[in-house]
């Protein structure tokens, strides 16, 4: 009995762990496969200092090649027109990352900055650089394109990406462990019907916990409601698919409730083996 009890506890541990793995992999696959959602997060990310610094560094490097000394341009994203251009550039980078193998995943940086050359010129002039818009356009045209991925490489995001396929495989493996571990626990208890109800309830509780943790984490990342671009982007990604664990919780909660109505209080499942034959006279 002690060994049986230990096996039951181990099986329940694997069951709970696998349920969590299913929730994480399904949620993660939905996030990675949603190109539009990633583009929305890229718009939030476009105001981050990482992208702004990258663009500024590219402009300064090209200016130095022409023999000009460019001072610090400040935060380019403070200008509305430049901010919108950076948002378009960020969206294009995500779109390029989702292209299938065989297509050119290159983003022309100059194509997004050329329309705001006047705003960039103004920023340079405000920082003490005597330069005209024609010179800035010449500078922008010298910018290198951004190679997001090699042409023969698979997409980095989207349904066909390697990450999405890996998470899909993880989901299948975790589901298999859920079925095996759950089935084993039902064979080890005296009342498998009640055990099935308990297993369904465990899924509902785990999904509810996952939804709460995801929602709270999204809020904690960006409690100010958009003050930090990187946090805003991460918060948006976390919250974008919170409905998945909520659906899991509702469905399995309903299944557990319906199954409970079939298992009456005090009811014991029928024996799994044939009753002993009474002795004959």
Foldseek 3Di string as FASTA:
>chain_A
DVVLVVLLVVLVVLLLVLLLLLLVLVLVLVLQAPLVLLLVLLLLLLQAPVNQVVVQVLLQVLCVVVVDHFPDLPRLCVDPLVSVLSSVQSSLQSVLLQDAAQDFSKAQSLVSCLVVLVVSVVSRVVVPDPDDSVVSNVSSNPGDIDRSDDRRAGHCGHCGHPSSVVSVVSNVVSVVSNVVSLVSSLVSDQASLVSVLVSLQSSLVSLVVLLVVLLVQLCVLPVVQSPHSNSPSVSSSSNVRSVVSVVSNVVSVVVSVVSVVVQDPPDTDDDPDDDDDDDDD
